[in-house]
Amino acid sequence: MEVGVERILPNTTPLIQPMDQGSILAFKALYTHNTLQHLVVAMESDQDFSLKDYWRECNIVKDQHKVVHT
């Protein structure tokens, strides 16, 4: 099995692969929705909730399960 690799010019991916834009937009929307939903649940369930601490701990790599398991 052979795999071909080609170099492309910077910023040409959206032109070559238009689906990327839609996929990225959908991911961002779902991630934002789920993060804010999780934020509301955290605020309602914890009396000592700190928004500053919540955002400090927020990490897209750590929180990717919010999108993957939806």
C-alpha atoms as a PDB file:
ATOM      1  CA  MET A   1       0.000   0.000   0.000  1.00  0.00           C
ATOM      2  CA  GLU A   2       1.448   3.331  -1.056  1.00  0.00           C
ATOM      3  CA  VAL A   3       0.569   6.697   0.365  1.00  0.00           C
ATOM      4  CA  GLY A   4       1.224   9.869  -1.586  1.00  0.00           C
ATOM      5  CA  VAL A   5       2.041  13.108   0.169  1.00  0.00           C
ATOM      6  CA  GLU A   6       1.926  16.470  -1.552  1.00  0.00           C
ATOM      7  CA  ARG A   7       2.684  19.940  -0.298  1.00  0.00           C
ATOM      8  CA  ILE A   8       0.027  22.578  -0.681  1.00  0.00           C
ATOM      9  CA  LEU A   9       0.240  26.325  -0.335  1.00  0.00           C
ATOM     10  CA  PRO A  10      -0.734  27.872   3.009  1.00  0.00           C
ATOM     11  CA  ASN A  11      -4.421  28.684   3.483  1.00  0.00           C
ATOM     12  CA  THR A  12      -5.575  26.585   0.525  1.00  0.00           C
ATOM     13  CA  THR A  13      -7.253  23.838   2.519  1.00  0.00           C
ATOM     14  CA  PRO A  14     -10.683  25.554   2.472  1.00  0.00           C
ATOM     15  CA  LEU A  15     -10.420  25.822  -1.307  1.00  0.00           C
ATOM     16  CA  ILE A  16      -9.400  22.216  -1.797  1.00  0.00           C
ATOM     17  CA  GLN A  17     -11.559  20.706   0.923  1.00  0.00           C
ATOM     18  CA  PRO A  18     -14.661  22.876   1.393  1.00  0.00           C
ATOM     19  CA  MET A  19     -16.141  20.340   3.780  1.00  0.00           C
ATOM     20  CA  ASP A  20     -13.483  21.292   6.345  1.00  0.00           C
ATOM     21  CA  GLN A  21     -15.172  24.612   6.996  1.00  0.00           C
ATOM     22  CA  GLY A  22     -18.541  23.006   7.636  1.00  0.00           C
ATOM     23  CA  SER A  23     -17.063  20.315   9.852  1.00  0.00           C
ATOM     24  CA  ILE A  24     -15.080  22.789  11.902  1.00  0.00           C
ATOM     25  CA  LEU A  25     -18.085  25.098  12.228  1.00  0.00           C
ATOM     26  CA  ALA A  26     -20.292  22.209  13.358  1.00  0.00           C
ATOM     27  CA  PHE A  27     -17.683  21.062  15.890  1.00  0.00           C
ATOM     28  CA  LYS A  28     -17.284  24.566  17.327  1.00  0.00           C
ATOM     29  CA  ALA A  29     -21.041  25.046  17.616  1.00  0.00           C
ATOM     30  CA  LEU A  30     -21.554  21.692  19.328  1.00  0.00           C
ATOM     31  CA  TYR A  31     -18.576  22.206  21.637  1.00  0.00           C
ATOM     32  CA  THR A  32     -19.738  25.702  22.620  1.00  0.00           C
ATOM     33  CA  HIS A  33     -23.302  24.536  23.229  1.00  0.00           C
ATOM     34  CA  ASN A  34     -22.209  21.589  25.355  1.00  0.00           C
ATOM     35  CA  THR A  35     -19.659  23.646  27.286  1.00  0.00           C
ATOM     36  CA  LEU A  36     -22.240  26.286  28.160  1.00  0.00           C
ATOM     37  CA  GLN A  37     -24.754  23.594  29.075  1.00  0.00           C
ATOM     38  CA  HIS A  38     -22.160  22.001  31.367  1.00  0.00           C
ATOM     39  CA  LEU A  39     -21.452  25.443  32.839  1.00  0.00           C
ATOM     40  CA  VAL A  40     -25.119  25.954  33.730  1.00  0.00           C
ATOM     41  CA  VAL A  41     -25.299  22.539  35.395  1.00  0.00           C
ATOM     42  CA  ALA A  42     -22.122  23.274  37.359  1.00  0.00           C
ATOM     43  CA  MET A  43     -23.489  26.652  38.483  1.00  0.00           C
ATOM     44  CA  GLU A  44     -26.771  25.123  39.636  1.00  0.00           C
ATOM     45  CA  SER A  45     -25.206  22.208  41.486  1.00  0.00           C
ATOM     46  CA  ASP A  46     -22.400  23.980  43.362  1.00  0.00           C
ATOM     47  CA  GLN A  47     -23.119  26.766  45.825  1.00  0.00           C
ATOM     48  CA  ASP A  48     -19.448  27.751  45.957  1.00  0.00           C
ATOM     49  CA  PHE A  49     -19.180  27.882  42.168  1.00  0.00           C
ATOM     50  CA  SER A  50     -16.503  30.178  40.757  1.00  0.00           C
ATOM     51  CA  LEU A  51     -16.784  31.156  37.103  1.00  0.00           C
ATOM     52  CA  LYS A  52     -13.142  32.170  37.066  1.00  0.00           C
ATOM     53  CA  ASP A  53     -12.063  28.729  38.294  1.00  0.00           C
ATOM     54  CA  TYR A  54     -14.396  27.017  35.832  1.00  0.00           C
ATOM     55  CA  TRP A  55     -12.891  28.785  32.812  1.00  0.00           C
ATOM     56  CA  ARG A  56      -9.382  28.320  34.150  1.00  0.00           C
ATOM     57  CA  GLU A  57      -9.925  24.545  34.158  1.00  0.00           C
ATOM     58  CA  CYS A  58     -11.664  24.516  30.777  1.00  0.00           C
ATOM     59  CA  ASN A  59      -9.505  22.825  28.146  1.00  0.00           C
ATOM     60  CA  ILE A  60     -10.610  21.668  24.689  1.00  0.00           C
ATOM     61  CA  VAL A  61      -8.358  18.601  24.760  1.00  0.00           C
ATOM     62  CA  LYS A  62      -9.569  17.552  28.200  1.00  0.00           C
ATOM     63  CA  ASP A  63     -13.196  18.393  27.396  1.00  0.00           C
ATOM     64  CA  GLN A  64     -13.448  16.857  23.937  1.00  0.00           C
ATOM     65  CA  HIS A  65     -15.692  14.164  25.411  1.00  0.00           C
ATOM     66  CA  LYS A  66     -18.395  16.847  25.549  1.00  0.00           C
ATOM     67  CA  VAL A  67     -18.629  16.633  21.774  1.00  0.00           C
ATOM     68  CA  VAL A  68     -17.592  13.042  21.136  1.00  0.00           C
ATOM     69  CA  HIS A  69     -20.162  11.498  23.486  1.00  0.00           C
ATOM     70  CA  THR A  70     -23.072  13.663  22.384  1.00  0.00           C
END
